[in-house]
Every structure is written in structure tokens, then in C-alpha cells.
């Protein structure tokens, strides 16, 4: 992948219409991680936020009793670690590489310059936070008040918003596993599989390996 293509893809996905100056782009580092290597651990204050350039990052939470729960498997070009970094708070989860992985590192200097010098970046960042917050609220509401099919539909739509990229003819390609979809919708994997099969039969989903195509109803 050319040196700037992953960074450009991140900006197109999360900060559409924002022009990234070359001198600021040059200050955004890249870090390679071997399989199983931690980028940061739960409870650690981070010095940057990140985007996946290649490979996959697993974010996971460890409870007081030692139970480990996977939150999400983050693939390109998704951002992660943003809330803890921006708030200056310890991370609520650990980030671990799954396979050979490369991340873009948005350190404090790059973040400050983007916020202060790049027109539209702060508004785009606020919109990104708002999308994530809205998606979380919708899923919390669905978990309490809505049935499996409604939760499933909301989870599909959220993943499409956050990770989707146009695939032509109204389809959106989404990189996500069935297990992630089930966790996000608070469903068993069996129920998620049954609902995926129903959506596929209705022409709303085309399934692939760790990715699928989705068309909004």
C-alpha cells in the first residue's frame, strides 16, 4: 500500500471533505505489531489515538473476576482509542493485534495541529463522536425494549455506517464477523445466523468470509 493511501482512506471514512496538509500527515507515525502484541492495556492512559492501516485489532475488556469479553475486532480504516485519548482518561479496554497489523498513530502534536489548523476537522471529529454515541444509545435502547429482529437491524445499520464503503448498485461492503454482529445486537450467534439467513433470502445481505454486503431496506 502506498505510504499515504491508508491515511487518506481514514480521512475519507471519518473526516469527509477535510483536506490533510502534507506536513501534518508526515507527523502521523505508523506502527507495526506482531500477532498477539498489545498496543495498550486496560487502565493505561494513551498518548495517541489510532486507526487500523492493515490487519486487525481486537479490543477487549477484562472484568474484576478475570472474565475476558471481546468488544470489537477493528479493521481498516477504523479509528479506535479516541475517547480515552481526547478525555485524558485511562482506556477502558485493551487493544491487541490479531495477525500482523499496522496502525496509524495520531499523537498529541498531530491532534493539536489538526484541531487548531485544519478547517473542518474539529466539526468532523465532533460528528464522529456523535455518530458513535447515537449508535450506542440506539443499541442500549434496543437491548432493553426491542426484539431480536429490531436489534439485529440496528446493529447491521451501525456497522454499515461505521465501516461500510460503497460497493455499487446500492450495496455497502462491511468488514465484520458474524460474532461481532451478534455481540453488538446482544444476540446469540445462532440467532444472528438465522437472522442473517433471513436477510440474505430477502435480498438485503450477501454474506462472505469476515465481510458482507448490505443494502438498506
Foldseek 3Di string as FASTA:
>chain_A
DPPCPLVVQLCCQQPNPWDDDPVLVVVWDKDKDAAFDWPDAFQAQDQWKKFWSAAWKWKWAADPVRDIDTQFIHHPGAIPPPPSNVVVGGHRTIIGTHHITMMTTCGPVSVVCCVPPIPRSVVSVVVNVVLVVVLVVVLVCCVPPNDLLVLLVSLVVSQCSRAWDDDDPQKTKGQADLVNSCVSSVHDSVSSVVSQVVCVVVVQWADDHRMIIGHDD
